[in-house]
Amino acid sequence: MSAHHAGVPHAIGVIVPSSNRIVERVTRAILDELPGVDACFTRVPYAGHPPDGYDLAAFRQAAALLAQARPDVILWNATRGALIGFEPDRKLAAMIEDETGIACATTALATVDFLRSRNLRRIGLLAQGDEDDGMRLRHSFAREGIEIVVAHNLGITDNFEAARVTPEQIEDHALRLAAETDLDAVLIWSTNLAGHGATARLRHRLAIPVLDSAALGILNTLPSVAAPPLPLPGVA
């Protein structure tokens, strides 16, 4: 149920990893086209989560604070869920919905739903982590019916450093991924990689969707705030 209140813009409440420098920028770029939709942000620590899940106390506090601003939906805009197998994201979203009464989405789960709904099964992945992280992502996506056919793993373990990767470098990786084999889509898999601005240009050059995870998270919440549909950058 929408939490919208008369006279106040619709809103997305966004939970962001503490070291992220990209999500707010992407959110504002998207919502600039939707003057009737606002965004509220809060952060949780990037570090300190158990290897197979989340520090739920941090999320409880973050969600409770966002709930005071009465957003229509709460979004965990991060890609960790894929690295730990997606099920922790399902449990996290259910917990936040139960405790706040507000619908909750995550970027990882929204991406899986998006890829399945458009039958995008053969994916080229650009991810910030190392080769071990890359293998974990392959297995996690495979369990959801999505094949990571080829991947470039940047070897970045300090999340802040991902924000230093330039859009030009991201574009170069996307082009090389698409050149290696036939793909249904290229996925930029870190919400701290600045890929959003390059997706439409890459889509034109490659003739396949090029998807930015930070943008996917936001765009897939828009039906929850009764906003008119927007074309996904790199898709339409």
C-alpha atoms as a PDB file:
ATOM      1  CA  MET A   1       0.000   0.000   0.000  1.00  0.00           C
ATOM      2  CA  SER A   2       1.315   3.456  -0.891  1.00  0.00           C
ATOM      3  CA  ALA A   3       2.450   5.662   1.965  1.00  0.00           C
ATOM      4  CA  HIS A   4       1.801   8.818  -0.072  1.00  0.00           C
ATOM      5  CA  HIS A   5       0.262  11.755   1.734  1.00  0.00           C
ATOM      6  CA  ALA A   6      -1.642  14.582   0.053  1.00  0.00           C
ATOM      7  CA  GLY A   7       0.487  17.650  -0.596  1.00  0.00           C
ATOM      8  CA  VAL A   8       3.784  15.752  -0.207  1.00  0.00           C
ATOM      9  CA  PRO A   9       5.673  14.271  -3.175  1.00  0.00           C
ATOM     10  CA  HIS A  10       5.890  10.531  -3.531  1.00  0.00           C
ATOM     11  CA  ALA A  11       9.213   9.258  -2.211  1.00  0.00           C
ATOM     12  CA  ILE A  12      11.673   6.403  -2.439  1.00  0.00           C
ATOM     13  CA  GLY A  13      13.589   5.729   0.753  1.00  0.00           C
ATOM     14  CA  VAL A  14      17.081   4.551  -0.181  1.00  0.00           C
ATOM     15  CA  ILE A  15      19.517   2.640   2.027  1.00  0.00           C
ATOM     16  CA  VAL A  16      23.082   3.061   0.762  1.00  0.00           C
ATOM     17  CA  PRO A  17      26.374   1.368   1.726  1.00  0.00           C
ATOM     18  CA  SER A  18      28.430   3.762   3.835  1.00  0.00           C
ATOM     19  CA  SER A  19      31.291   4.074   1.307  1.00  0.00           C
ATOM     20  CA  ASN A  20      29.083   4.657  -1.730  1.00  0.00           C
ATOM     21  CA  ARG A  21      29.560   7.834  -3.798  1.00  0.00           C
ATOM     22  CA  ILE A  22      27.344   7.007  -6.786  1.00  0.00           C
ATOM     23  CA  VAL A  23      23.810   6.052  -5.736  1.00  0.00           C
ATOM     24  CA  GLU A  24      22.614   9.512  -4.708  1.00  0.00           C
ATOM     25  CA  ARG A  25      23.949  10.993  -7.954  1.00  0.00           C
ATOM     26  CA  VAL A  26      22.180   8.374 -10.108  1.00  0.00           C
ATOM     27  CA  THR A  27      18.964   8.714  -8.142  1.00  0.00           C
ATOM     28  CA  ARG A  28      18.861  12.463  -8.620  1.00  0.00           C
ATOM     29  CA  ALA A  29      19.609  12.134 -12.337  1.00  0.00           C
ATOM     30  CA  ILE A  30      16.650   9.783 -12.758  1.00  0.00           C
ATOM     31  CA  LEU A  31      14.243  11.698 -10.538  1.00  0.00           C
ATOM     32  CA  ASP A  32      15.022  15.010 -12.240  1.00  0.00           C
ATOM     33  CA  GLU A  33      12.606  13.725 -14.902  1.00  0.00           C
ATOM     34  CA  LEU A  34       9.912  13.060 -12.296  1.00  0.00           C
ATOM     35  CA  PRO A  35       9.190  16.226 -10.291  1.00  0.00           C
ATOM     36  CA  GLY A  36       6.464  14.440  -8.331  1.00  0.00           C
ATOM     37  CA  VAL A  37       8.896  11.905  -6.839  1.00  0.00           C
ATOM     38  CA  ASP A  38      11.404  12.593  -4.080  1.00  0.00           C
ATOM     39  CA  ALA A  39      14.151  10.496  -2.494  1.00  0.00           C
ATOM     40  CA  CYS A  40      15.307  10.141   1.099  1.00  0.00           C
ATOM     41  CA  PHE A  41      18.665   8.536   1.920  1.00  0.00           C
ATOM     42  CA  THR A  42      20.308   6.810   4.836  1.00  0.00           C
ATOM     43  CA  ARG A  43      23.446   4.677   5.189  1.00  0.00           C
ATOM     44  CA  VAL A  44      24.505   1.426   6.788  1.00  0.00           C
ATOM     45  CA  PRO A  45      28.093   0.302   7.378  1.00  0.00           C
ATOM     46  CA  TYR A  46      29.710  -1.334   4.367  1.00  0.00           C
ATOM     47  CA  ALA A  47      31.833  -3.575   6.596  1.00  0.00           C
ATOM     48  CA  GLY A  48      30.877  -5.705   9.587  1.00  0.00           C
ATOM     49  CA  HIS A  49      28.281  -7.987   7.994  1.00  0.00           C
ATOM     50  CA  PRO A  50      28.509 -11.752   8.551  1.00  0.00           C
ATOM     51  CA  PRO A  51      29.957 -13.528   5.470  1.00  0.00           C
ATOM     52  CA  ASP A  52      26.587 -15.006   4.502  1.00  0.00           C
ATOM     53  CA  GLY A  53      24.226 -12.208   5.422  1.00  0.00           C
ATOM     54  CA  TYR A  54      23.694  -8.766   6.952  1.00  0.00           C
ATOM     55  CA  ASP A  55      24.070  -6.901  10.214  1.00  0.00           C
ATOM     56  CA  LEU A  56      20.324  -6.721  10.701  1.00  0.00           C
ATOM     57  CA  ALA A  57      20.510  -4.265  13.595  1.00  0.00           C
ATOM     58  CA  ALA A  58      21.985  -1.628  11.268  1.00  0.00           C
ATOM     59  CA  PHE A  59      19.213  -2.171   8.742  1.00  0.00           C
ATOM     60  CA  ARG A  60      16.508  -2.039  11.395  1.00  0.00           C
ATOM     61  CA  GLN A  61      17.746   1.368  12.493  1.00  0.00           C
ATOM     62  CA  ALA A  62      18.158   2.647   8.923  1.00  0.00           C
ATOM     63  CA  ALA A  63      14.682   1.480   7.900  1.00  0.00           C
ATOM     64  CA  ALA A  64      13.081   2.885  11.046  1.00  0.00           C
ATOM     65  CA  LEU A  65      14.614   6.287  10.383  1.00  0.00           C
ATOM     66  CA  LEU A  66      13.516   6.263   6.748  1.00  0.00           C
ATOM     67  CA  ALA A  67      10.015   5.224   7.801  1.00  0.00           C
ATOM     68  CA  GLN A  68       9.691   8.487   9.731  1.00  0.00           C
ATOM     69  CA  ALA A  69       9.828  10.283   6.342  1.00  0.00           C
ATOM     70  CA  ARG A  70       6.961   8.025   5.115  1.00  0.00           C
ATOM     71  CA  PRO A  71       8.339   6.943   1.749  1.00  0.00           C
ATOM     72  CA  ASP A  72       6.226   4.804  -0.569  1.00  0.00           C
ATOM     73  CA  VAL A  73       8.950   2.161  -0.813  1.00  0.00           C
ATOM     74  CA  ILE A  74      12.321   1.409   0.783  1.00  0.00           C
ATOM     75  CA  LEU A  75      15.190   0.265  -1.435  1.00  0.00           C
ATOM     76  CA  TRP A  76      18.478  -1.354  -0.421  1.00  0.00           C
ATOM     77  CA  ASN A  77      20.506  -0.065  -3.366  1.00  0.00           C
ATOM     78  CA  ALA A  78      23.514  -2.359  -3.267  1.00  0.00           C
ATOM     79  CA  THR A  79      24.673  -5.498  -5.041  1.00  0.00           C
ATOM     80  CA  ARG A  80      25.878  -7.528  -2.037  1.00  0.00           C
ATOM     81  CA  GLY A  81      22.794  -9.746  -2.254  1.00  0.00           C
ATOM     82  CA  ALA A  82      24.114 -11.528  -5.341  1.00  0.00           C
ATOM     83  CA  LEU A  83      27.465 -12.232  -3.701  1.00  0.00           C
ATOM     84  CA  ILE A  84      25.792 -13.967  -0.755  1.00  0.00           C
ATOM     85  CA  GLY A  85      23.183 -15.890  -2.731  1.00  0.00           C
ATOM     86  CA  PHE A  86      20.056 -13.652  -2.955  1.00  0.00           C
ATOM     87  CA  GLU A  87      18.168 -15.397  -0.123  1.00  0.00           C
ATOM     88  CA  PRO A  88      19.505 -12.960   2.533  1.00  0.00           C
ATOM     89  CA  ASP A  89      18.049 -10.114   0.456  1.00  0.00           C
ATOM     90  CA  ARG A  90      14.652 -11.824   0.434  1.00  0.00           C
ATOM     91  CA  LYS A  91      14.785 -12.166   4.218  1.00  0.00           C
ATOM     92  CA  LEU A  92      16.002  -8.587   4.637  1.00  0.00           C
ATOM     93  CA  ALA A  93      13.188  -7.176   2.492  1.00  0.00           C
ATOM     94  CA  ALA A  94      10.592  -9.221   4.389  1.00  0.00           C
ATOM     95  CA  MET A  95      11.961  -8.024   7.733  1.00  0.00           C
ATOM     96  CA  ILE A  96      11.864  -4.362   6.709  1.00  0.00           C
ATOM     97  CA  GLU A  97       8.335  -4.679   5.324  1.00  0.00           C
ATOM     98  CA  ASP A  98       7.155  -6.436   8.488  1.00  0.00           C
ATOM     99  CA  GLU A  99       8.716  -3.903  10.849  1.00  0.00           C
ATOM    100  CA  THR A 100       7.883  -0.687   8.958  1.00  0.00           C
ATOM    101  CA  GLY A 101       4.741  -1.588   7.015  1.00  0.00           C
ATOM    102  CA  ILE A 102       6.432  -0.163   3.895  1.00  0.00           C
ATOM    103  CA  ALA A 103       7.200  -2.185   0.771  1.00  0.00           C
ATOM    104  CA  CYS A 104      10.901  -3.029   0.464  1.00  0.00           C
ATOM    105  CA  ALA A 105      12.979  -3.834  -2.613  1.00  0.00           C
ATOM    106  CA  THR A 106      16.643  -4.569  -3.196  1.00  0.00           C
ATOM    107  CA  THR A 107      18.737  -3.895  -6.251  1.00  0.00           C
ATOM    108  CA  ALA A 108      19.948  -7.496  -6.405  1.00  0.00           C
ATOM    109  CA  LEU A 109      16.443  -8.958  -6.408  1.00  0.00           C
ATOM    110  CA  ALA A 110      15.108  -6.300  -8.779  1.00  0.00           C
ATOM    111  CA  THR A 111      17.891  -7.137 -11.229  1.00  0.00           C
ATOM    112  CA  VAL A 112      17.060 -10.846 -11.229  1.00  0.00           C
ATOM    113  CA  ASP A 113      13.384 -10.056 -11.814  1.00  0.00           C
ATOM    114  CA  PHE A 114      14.265  -7.631 -14.594  1.00  0.00           C
ATOM    115  CA  LEU A 115      16.552 -10.075 -16.414  1.00  0.00           C
ATOM    116  CA  ARG A 116      14.057 -12.928 -16.152  1.00  0.00           C
ATOM    117  CA  SER A 117      11.106 -10.829 -17.285  1.00  0.00           C
ATOM    118  CA  ARG A 118      12.943  -9.875 -20.472  1.00  0.00           C
ATOM    119  CA  ASN A 119      14.544 -13.299 -21.024  1.00  0.00           C
ATOM    120  CA  LEU A 120      18.042 -11.825 -20.719  1.00  0.00           C
ATOM    121  CA  ARG A 121      19.871 -15.005 -19.728  1.00  0.00           C
ATOM    122  CA  ARG A 122      23.382 -14.708 -21.197  1.00  0.00           C
ATOM    123  CA  ILE A 123      25.118 -11.894 -19.368  1.00  0.00           C
ATOM    124  CA  GLY A 124      28.495 -10.176 -19.582  1.00  0.00           C
ATOM    125  CA  LEU A 125      29.338  -8.923 -16.096  1.00  0.00           C
ATOM    126  CA  LEU A 126      31.602  -6.077 -15.015  1.00  0.00           C
ATOM    127  CA  ALA A 127      32.124  -6.385 -11.251  1.00  0.00           C
ATOM    128  CA  GLN A 128      34.397  -4.649  -8.781  1.00  0.00           C
ATOM    129  CA  GLY A 129      35.609  -7.685  -6.792  1.00  0.00           C
ATOM    130  CA  ASP A 130      38.315 -10.286  -7.328  1.00  0.00           C
ATOM    131  CA  GLU A 131      38.184 -13.612  -9.166  1.00  0.00           C
ATOM    132  CA  ASP A 132      36.835 -15.460  -6.112  1.00  0.00           C
ATOM    133  CA  ASP A 133      33.988 -12.946  -5.892  1.00  0.00           C
ATOM    134  CA  GLY A 134      33.433 -13.433  -9.611  1.00  0.00           C
ATOM    135  CA  MET A 135      32.988 -17.185  -9.166  1.00  0.00           C
ATOM    136  CA  ARG A 136      30.528 -16.633  -6.327  1.00  0.00           C
ATOM    137  CA  LEU A 137      28.524 -14.288  -8.543  1.00  0.00           C
ATOM    138  CA  ARG A 138      28.475 -16.849 -11.363  1.00  0.00           C
ATOM    139  CA  HIS A 139      27.096 -19.500  -9.015  1.00  0.00           C
ATOM    140  CA  SER A 140      24.534 -17.173  -7.408  1.00  0.00           C
ATOM    141  CA  PHE A 141      23.158 -15.946 -10.723  1.00  0.00           C
ATOM    142  CA  ALA A 142      23.163 -19.485 -12.137  1.00  0.00           C
ATOM    143  CA  ARG A 143      20.899 -20.629  -9.305  1.00  0.00           C
ATOM    144  CA  GLU A 144      18.467 -17.925 -10.461  1.00  0.00           C
ATOM    145  CA  GLY A 145      18.589 -19.169 -14.065  1.00  0.00           C
ATOM    146  CA  ILE A 146      20.972 -16.470 -15.350  1.00  0.00           C
ATOM    147  CA  GLU A 147      24.314 -17.387 -16.920  1.00  0.00           C
ATOM    148  CA  ILE A 148      27.337 -15.156 -16.500  1.00  0.00           C
ATOM    149  CA  VAL A 149      28.957 -16.062 -19.811  1.00  0.00           C
ATOM    150  CA  VAL A 150      31.937 -13.748 -19.475  1.00  0.00           C
ATOM    151  CA  ALA A 151      33.092 -11.443 -16.681  1.00  0.00           C
ATOM    152  CA  HIS A 152      35.670  -8.758 -16.014  1.00  0.00           C
ATOM    153  CA  ASN A 153      36.504  -8.587 -12.300  1.00  0.00           C
ATOM    154  CA  LEU A 154      38.295  -5.368 -11.400  1.00  0.00           C
ATOM    155  CA  GLY A 155      39.976  -6.721  -8.266  1.00  0.00           C
ATOM    156  CA  ILE A 156      38.717  -3.839  -6.113  1.00  0.00           C
ATOM    157  CA  THR A 157      38.165  -4.853  -2.492  1.00  0.00           C
ATOM    158  CA  ASP A 158      37.887  -1.362  -0.966  1.00  0.00           C
ATOM    159  CA  ASN A 159      34.387  -0.294  -1.967  1.00  0.00           C
ATOM    160  CA  PHE A 160      35.246   3.408  -2.028  1.00  0.00           C
ATOM    161  CA  GLU A 161      37.874   2.735  -4.714  1.00  0.00           C
ATOM    162  CA  ALA A 162      35.185   1.536  -7.111  1.00  0.00           C
ATOM    163  CA  ALA A 163      33.974   5.138  -7.379  1.00  0.00           C
ATOM    164  CA  ARG A 164      37.386   6.089  -8.804  1.00  0.00           C
ATOM    165  CA  VAL A 165      36.844   3.940 -11.909  1.00  0.00           C
ATOM    166  CA  THR A 166      36.088   6.374 -14.716  1.00  0.00           C
ATOM    167  CA  PRO A 167      33.063   6.142 -17.001  1.00  0.00           C
ATOM    168  CA  GLU A 168      35.512   5.792 -19.898  1.00  0.00           C
ATOM    169  CA  GLN A 169      37.090   2.735 -18.270  1.00  0.00           C
ATOM    170  CA  ILE A 170      33.669   1.234 -17.650  1.00  0.00           C
ATOM    171  CA  GLU A 171      32.696   1.843 -21.261  1.00  0.00           C
ATOM    172  CA  ASP A 172      35.879   0.150 -22.468  1.00  0.00           C
ATOM    173  CA  HIS A 173      35.174  -2.931 -20.345  1.00  0.00           C
ATOM    174  CA  ALA A 174      31.594  -3.140 -21.612  1.00  0.00           C
ATOM    175  CA  LEU A 175      32.744  -2.991 -25.223  1.00  0.00           C
ATOM    176  CA  ARG A 176      35.348  -5.701 -24.644  1.00  0.00           C
ATOM    177  CA  LEU A 177      32.853  -7.942 -22.853  1.00  0.00           C
ATOM    178  CA  ALA A 178      30.438  -7.699 -25.764  1.00  0.00           C
ATOM    179  CA  ALA A 179      33.231  -8.447 -28.233  1.00  0.00           C
ATOM    180  CA  GLU A 180      34.180 -11.716 -26.513  1.00  0.00           C
ATOM    181  CA  THR A 181      30.968 -13.671 -27.178  1.00  0.00           C
ATOM    182  CA  ASP A 182      27.261 -13.357 -27.991  1.00  0.00           C
ATOM    183  CA  LEU A 183      25.410 -11.818 -25.050  1.00  0.00           C
ATOM    184  CA  ASP A 184      21.860 -10.861 -24.187  1.00  0.00           C
ATOM    185  CA  ALA A 185      23.056  -7.949 -22.040  1.00  0.00           C
ATOM    186  CA  VAL A 186      26.010  -6.383 -20.250  1.00  0.00           C
ATOM    187  CA  LEU A 187      25.540  -5.748 -16.529  1.00  0.00           C
ATOM    188  CA  ILE A 188      27.605  -3.222 -14.546  1.00  0.00           C
ATOM    189  CA  TRP A 189      27.504  -4.894 -11.153  1.00  0.00           C
ATOM    190  CA  SER A 190      28.352  -2.454  -8.387  1.00  0.00           C
ATOM    191  CA  THR A 191      26.284   0.502  -7.286  1.00  0.00           C
ATOM    192  CA  ASN A 192      29.578   2.333  -6.676  1.00  0.00           C
ATOM    193  CA  LEU A 193      30.688   2.083 -10.319  1.00  0.00           C
ATOM    194  CA  ALA A 194      29.794   5.187 -12.353  1.00  0.00           C
ATOM    195  CA  GLY A 195      28.208   3.357 -15.276  1.00  0.00           C
ATOM    196  CA  HIS A 196      24.841   5.069 -15.476  1.00  0.00           C
ATOM    197  CA  GLY A 197      25.890   7.879 -17.799  1.00  0.00           C
ATOM    198  CA  ALA A 198      27.350   5.503 -20.396  1.00  0.00           C
ATOM    199  CA  THR A 199      24.506   3.018 -20.733  1.00  0.00           C
ATOM    200  CA  ALA A 200      22.448   4.701 -23.455  1.00  0.00           C
ATOM    201  CA  ARG A 201      25.551   5.394 -25.549  1.00  0.00           C
ATOM    202  CA  LEU A 202      26.723   1.798 -25.156  1.00  0.00           C
ATOM    203  CA  ARG A 203      23.283   0.470 -26.062  1.00  0.00           C
ATOM    204  CA  HIS A 204      23.464   2.389 -29.314  1.00  0.00           C
ATOM    205  CA  ARG A 205      26.912   1.005 -30.119  1.00  0.00           C
ATOM    206  CA  LEU A 206      26.277  -2.600 -29.092  1.00  0.00           C
ATOM    207  CA  ALA A 207      22.580  -3.090 -29.931  1.00  0.00           C
ATOM    208  CA  ILE A 208      22.088  -5.025 -26.666  1.00  0.00           C
ATOM    209  CA  PRO A 209      21.009  -3.742 -23.247  1.00  0.00           C
ATOM    210  CA  VAL A 210      23.769  -2.325 -21.056  1.00  0.00           C
ATOM    211  CA  LEU A 211      22.442  -2.184 -17.512  1.00  0.00           C
ATOM    212  CA  ASP A 212      23.696  -0.158 -14.571  1.00  0.00           C
ATOM    213  CA  SER A 213      22.871  -1.711 -11.206  1.00  0.00           C
ATOM    214  CA  ALA A 214      22.353   1.560  -9.314  1.00  0.00           C
ATOM    215  CA  ALA A 215      19.874   2.756 -11.939  1.00  0.00           C
ATOM    216  CA  LEU A 216      18.084  -0.615 -12.066  1.00  0.00           C
ATOM    217  CA  GLY A 217      17.390  -0.418  -8.361  1.00  0.00           C
ATOM    218  CA  ILE A 218      15.787   3.011  -8.596  1.00  0.00           C
ATOM    219  CA  LEU A 219      13.902   2.458 -11.840  1.00  0.00           C
ATOM    220  CA  ASN A 220      12.355  -0.760 -10.623  1.00  0.00           C
ATOM    221  CA  THR A 221      10.833   1.016  -7.598  1.00  0.00           C
ATOM    222  CA  LEU A 222       8.986   3.578  -9.701  1.00  0.00           C
ATOM    223  CA  PRO A 223       5.789   1.541 -10.138  1.00  0.00           C
ATOM    224  CA  SER A 224       5.538   1.605  -6.322  1.00  0.00           C
ATOM    225  CA  VAL A 225       5.377   5.394  -6.307  1.00  0.00           C
ATOM    226  CA  ALA A 226       2.729   5.658  -9.014  1.00  0.00           C
ATOM    227  CA  ALA A 227       5.161   7.407 -11.337  1.00  0.00           C
ATOM    228  CA  PRO A 228       4.756   7.243 -15.118  1.00  0.00           C
ATOM    229  CA  PRO A 229       7.005   4.557 -16.590  1.00  0.00           C
ATOM    230  CA  LEU A 230      10.451   5.623 -17.756  1.00  0.00           C
ATOM    231  CA  PRO A 231      12.596   3.830 -20.333  1.00  0.00           C
ATOM    232  CA  LEU A 232      15.506   2.075 -18.681  1.00  0.00           C
ATOM    233  CA  PRO A 233      18.822   3.613 -19.768  1.00  0.00           C
ATOM    234  CA  GLY A 234      20.591   1.183 -22.070  1.00  0.00           C
ATOM    235  CA  VAL A 235      17.376  -0.740 -22.734  1.00  0.00           C
ATOM    236  CA  ALA A 236      14.939   1.466 -24.604  1.00  0.00           C
END
